[in-house]
Protein backbone atom coordinates (compact mmCIF):
# COMPACT_ATOMS: atom_id res chain seq x y z
CA UNK A 1 89.47 104.09 125.16
CA UNK A 2 86.10 104.95 126.67
CA UNK A 3 85.71 108.73 127.28
CA UNK A 4 84.96 109.94 130.74
CA UNK A 5 81.78 112.10 131.40
CA UNK A 6 84.21 115.18 132.12
CA UNK A 7 85.58 114.58 128.52
CA UNK A 8 82.23 114.21 126.84
CA UNK A 9 81.12 117.69 128.31
CA UNK A 10 84.55 118.96 127.33
CA UNK A 11 83.68 118.11 123.64
CA UNK A 12 80.35 119.58 123.85
CA UNK A 13 81.59 122.85 124.82
CA UNK A 14 84.42 122.84 122.44
CA UNK A 15 81.46 122.55 119.73
CA UNK A 16 80.81 126.08 120.31
CA UNK A 17 84.48 127.01 119.24
CA UNK A 18 88.04 127.17 120.69
CA UNK A 19 88.43 127.96 124.41
CA UNK A 20 91.23 128.19 126.98
CA UNK A 21 91.29 125.76 129.68
CA UNK A 22 90.19 128.66 132.20
CA UNK A 23 87.21 129.21 130.01
CA UNK A 24 86.47 125.30 129.78
CA UNK A 25 86.67 124.73 133.51
CA UNK A 26 84.37 128.10 134.18
CA UNK A 27 81.81 127.00 131.73
CA UNK A 28 81.78 123.40 133.12
CA UNK A 29 82.24 124.63 136.83
CA UNK A 30 85.01 122.18 137.20
CA UNK A 31 88.57 122.30 138.89
CA UNK A 32 91.08 123.48 136.30
CA UNK A 33 93.32 120.57 137.14
CA UNK A 34 90.80 117.88 136.17
CA UNK A 35 89.93 119.66 133.01
CA UNK A 36 93.67 119.65 132.13
CA UNK A 37 94.13 116.00 132.77
CA UNK A 38 91.16 115.29 130.54
CA UNK A 39 92.53 117.69 127.89
CA UNK A 40 95.79 115.84 127.84
CA UNK A 41 94.11 112.53 127.27
CA UNK A 42 92.14 114.14 124.50
CA UNK A 43 95.37 115.38 122.77
CA UNK A 44 96.96 112.06 122.83
CA UNK A 45 93.68 110.54 121.29
CA UNK A 46 93.98 113.21 118.76
CA UNK A 47 90.41 114.30 119.44
CA UNK A 48 91.31 117.67 120.37
CA UNK A 49 94.14 120.27 119.22
CA UNK A 50 96.00 122.92 120.96
CA UNK A 51 96.27 126.09 118.90
CA UNK A 52 97.25 129.94 119.25
CA UNK A 53 98.66 131.97 121.80
CA UNK A 54 97.43 131.98 124.71
CA UNK A 55 96.70 128.25 123.93
CA UNK A 56 93.09 127.46 123.12
CA UNK A 57 91.84 123.84 122.78
CA UNK A 58 89.70 122.96 119.73
CA UNK A 59 88.08 119.93 118.38
CA UNK A 60 90.38 118.09 115.88
CA UNK A 61 89.46 118.83 112.15
CA UNK A 62 88.38 115.08 111.51
CA UNK A 63 86.02 115.26 114.53
CA UNK A 64 84.58 118.64 113.56
CA UNK A 65 84.15 117.07 110.16
CA UNK A 66 81.96 114.32 111.46
CA UNK A 67 79.89 116.51 113.29
CA UNK A 68 79.28 118.79 110.41
CA UNK A 69 78.83 116.03 108.12
CA UNK A 70 75.40 116.35 106.38
CA UNK A 71 73.88 116.44 103.03
CA UNK A 72 76.59 114.29 101.33
CA UNK A 73 76.16 110.63 100.81
CA UNK A 74 79.07 108.35 101.58
CA UNK A 75 81.46 107.08 104.22
CA UNK A 76 83.31 109.67 105.97
CA UNK A 77 86.72 108.26 107.11
CA UNK A 78 89.68 109.76 109.26
CA UNK A 79 92.98 108.16 108.20
CA UNK A 80 96.64 108.43 109.35
CA UNK A 81 99.46 107.53 106.66
CA UNK A 82 102.78 107.11 108.26
CA UNK A 83 105.95 107.50 106.09
CA UNK A 84 109.43 107.00 107.12
CA UNK A 85 112.74 107.84 105.21
CA UNK A 86 116.51 108.07 105.78
CA UNK A 87 116.73 111.75 104.73
CA UNK A 88 114.58 114.67 105.97
CA UNK A 89 113.98 116.33 102.68
CA UNK A 90 113.20 113.11 101.07
CA UNK A 91 110.46 112.42 103.72
CA UNK A 92 109.00 115.93 103.28
CA UNK A 93 108.89 115.66 99.49
CA UNK A 94 107.23 112.03 99.96
CA UNK A 95 104.64 113.52 102.27
CA UNK A 96 103.86 116.43 99.86
CA UNK A 97 103.70 114.13 96.96
CA UNK A 98 101.06 111.84 98.61
CA UNK A 99 98.79 114.79 99.70
CA UNK A 100 98.90 116.14 96.14
CA UNK A 101 98.22 112.63 94.59
CA UNK A 102 95.16 112.25 96.95
CA UNK A 103 93.87 115.61 96.40
CA UNK A 104 93.63 114.94 92.35
CA UNK A 105 91.98 111.56 93.04
CA UNK A 106 88.59 111.37 91.38
CA UNK A 107 87.34 108.36 93.29
CA UNK A 108 86.81 110.16 96.64
CA UNK A 109 87.03 113.75 98.26
CA UNK A 110 89.57 114.76 100.68
CA UNK A 111 87.76 116.89 103.18
CA UNK A 112 90.59 117.79 105.25
CA UNK A 113 94.31 117.08 105.38
CA UNK A 114 97.31 118.03 107.53
CA UNK A 115 101.04 117.06 107.20
CA UNK A 116 102.72 116.38 110.82
CA UNK A 117 106.14 117.85 111.97
CA UNK A 118 108.91 115.66 110.78
CA UNK A 119 110.87 114.02 113.85
CA UNK A 120 113.73 111.88 113.92
CA UNK A 121 114.61 108.49 115.64
CA UNK A 122 118.16 108.84 116.66
CA UNK A 123 118.49 105.13 117.56
CA UNK A 124 117.21 104.12 114.21
CA UNK A 125 118.49 107.19 112.40
CA UNK A 126 115.40 107.52 110.40
CA UNK A 127 112.94 110.39 109.87
CA UNK A 128 109.12 109.86 110.35
CA UNK A 129 105.96 111.45 109.91
CA UNK A 130 102.27 111.18 109.03
CA UNK A 131 99.44 112.57 107.16
CA UNK A 132 96.17 113.16 108.92
CA UNK A 133 93.05 113.22 106.54
CA UNK A 134 89.34 113.24 106.60
CA UNK A 135 88.09 111.65 103.54
CA UNK A 136 84.40 111.16 101.96
CA UNK A 137 83.87 107.95 100.00
CA UNK A 138 80.96 107.52 97.87
CA UNK A 139 80.94 103.82 97.87
CA UNK A 140 83.07 100.47 98.83
CA UNK A 141 85.25 100.39 95.61
CA UNK A 142 87.03 103.58 96.27
CA UNK A 143 87.50 103.01 99.89
CA UNK A 144 89.12 99.54 99.05
CA UNK A 145 91.35 101.20 96.40
CA UNK A 146 92.53 103.85 99.22
CA UNK A 147 93.35 101.18 101.59
CA UNK A 148 95.46 99.28 99.38
CA UNK A 149 97.23 101.96 97.45
CA UNK A 150 97.70 104.27 100.41
CA UNK A 151 98.23 101.94 103.09
CA UNK A 152 96.90 103.91 106.30
CA UNK A 153 97.94 102.65 109.56
CA UNK A 154 94.84 104.15 111.27
CA UNK A 155 91.34 104.33 109.85
CA UNK A 156 88.20 105.31 111.78
CA UNK A 157 84.70 105.43 110.30
CA UNK A 158 83.36 108.74 111.57
CA UNK A 159 79.98 108.79 109.83
CA UNK A 160 77.75 107.35 107.02
CA UNK A 161 75.06 109.12 105.52
CA UNK A 162 72.57 107.47 102.76
CA UNK A 163 75.09 104.61 102.16
CA UNK A 164 73.41 102.07 100.15
CA UNK A 165 75.35 98.88 98.90
CA UNK A 166 74.74 98.64 95.28
CA UNK A 167 75.74 95.22 93.98
CA UNK A 168 77.89 96.41 91.21
CA UNK A 169 79.75 98.51 93.59
CA UNK A 170 80.20 95.42 95.87
CA UNK A 171 81.10 93.43 93.18
CA UNK A 172 84.08 95.67 91.66
CA UNK A 173 85.47 96.29 95.29
CA UNK A 174 85.74 92.64 96.17
CA UNK A 175 87.20 91.97 92.58
CA UNK A 176 89.69 94.81 93.47
CA UNK A 177 90.54 93.43 96.88
CA UNK A 178 90.84 89.99 95.56
CA UNK A 179 93.25 91.01 92.66
CA UNK A 180 95.32 93.09 95.08
CA UNK A 181 95.67 90.25 97.73
CA UNK A 182 96.35 87.68 94.91
CA UNK A 183 99.16 90.14 93.55
CA UNK A 184 100.63 90.62 96.93
CA UNK A 185 100.75 86.87 97.89
CA UNK A 186 102.45 86.18 94.46
CA UNK A 187 104.80 88.69 94.95
CA UNK A 188 105.84 87.51 98.46
CA UNK A 189 105.85 83.77 97.67
CA UNK A 190 108.46 84.57 94.96
CA UNK A 191 110.46 86.09 97.56
CA UNK A 192 110.44 83.14 99.76
CA UNK A 193 111.96 79.67 99.67
CA UNK A 194 109.55 76.74 99.60
CA UNK A 195 110.55 75.80 103.20
CA UNK A 196 109.64 79.27 104.32
CA UNK A 197 106.39 79.52 102.37
CA UNK A 198 105.35 75.97 103.95
CA UNK A 199 106.28 77.28 107.46
CA UNK A 200 104.51 80.74 106.86
CA UNK A 201 101.35 78.84 105.73
CA UNK A 202 101.32 76.46 108.73
CA UNK A 203 101.67 79.43 111.17
CA UNK A 204 98.86 81.35 109.24
CA UNK A 205 96.89 78.08 109.57
CA UNK A 206 97.33 77.79 113.46
CA UNK A 207 96.60 81.47 113.79
CA UNK A 208 93.43 81.42 112.04
CA UNK A 209 92.26 78.17 113.92
CA UNK A 210 93.14 80.01 117.32
């Protein structure tokens, strides 16, 4: 979604720090209802967060990280990892364990991380939540590793700084990706009958041909 000029101006105002909707409208000399509508869309897009009492609006952590990103070479990525479980406590523990494991990883640096509130899908009778993280990757290999082992549902490149593709790093990343894909395909093929596998391959071929 393309941001409106008003939303871009709001972002510039929030670079200075959190503000109430009244303060934003006054600084921009805009109608408060127009500012509220623009802020609602920014909240849905997770570009802005609402906090405190009285409520103030601020740039989301991953956006602030991108703005402040300097002096560290690598790829700065915003990722969302979604998790589901049939029991609330199991889900909460899983989310906490994933965050703990991420923070202990030596291949990348977690710059900012937050766990969402847990919600329940009454129709499916499952609980769900997500992890919102900003991560700095020094190269492609740890990034490929993260994508395969943590399976984020959303990835967004926020910024790059002094990124150079080293042939060795690229080779290791490609080998890791190839091994992962091969292992996944082998596992899936063992679960499918020959007829199902042939139909799957035909469907994939048709989609690739367009």
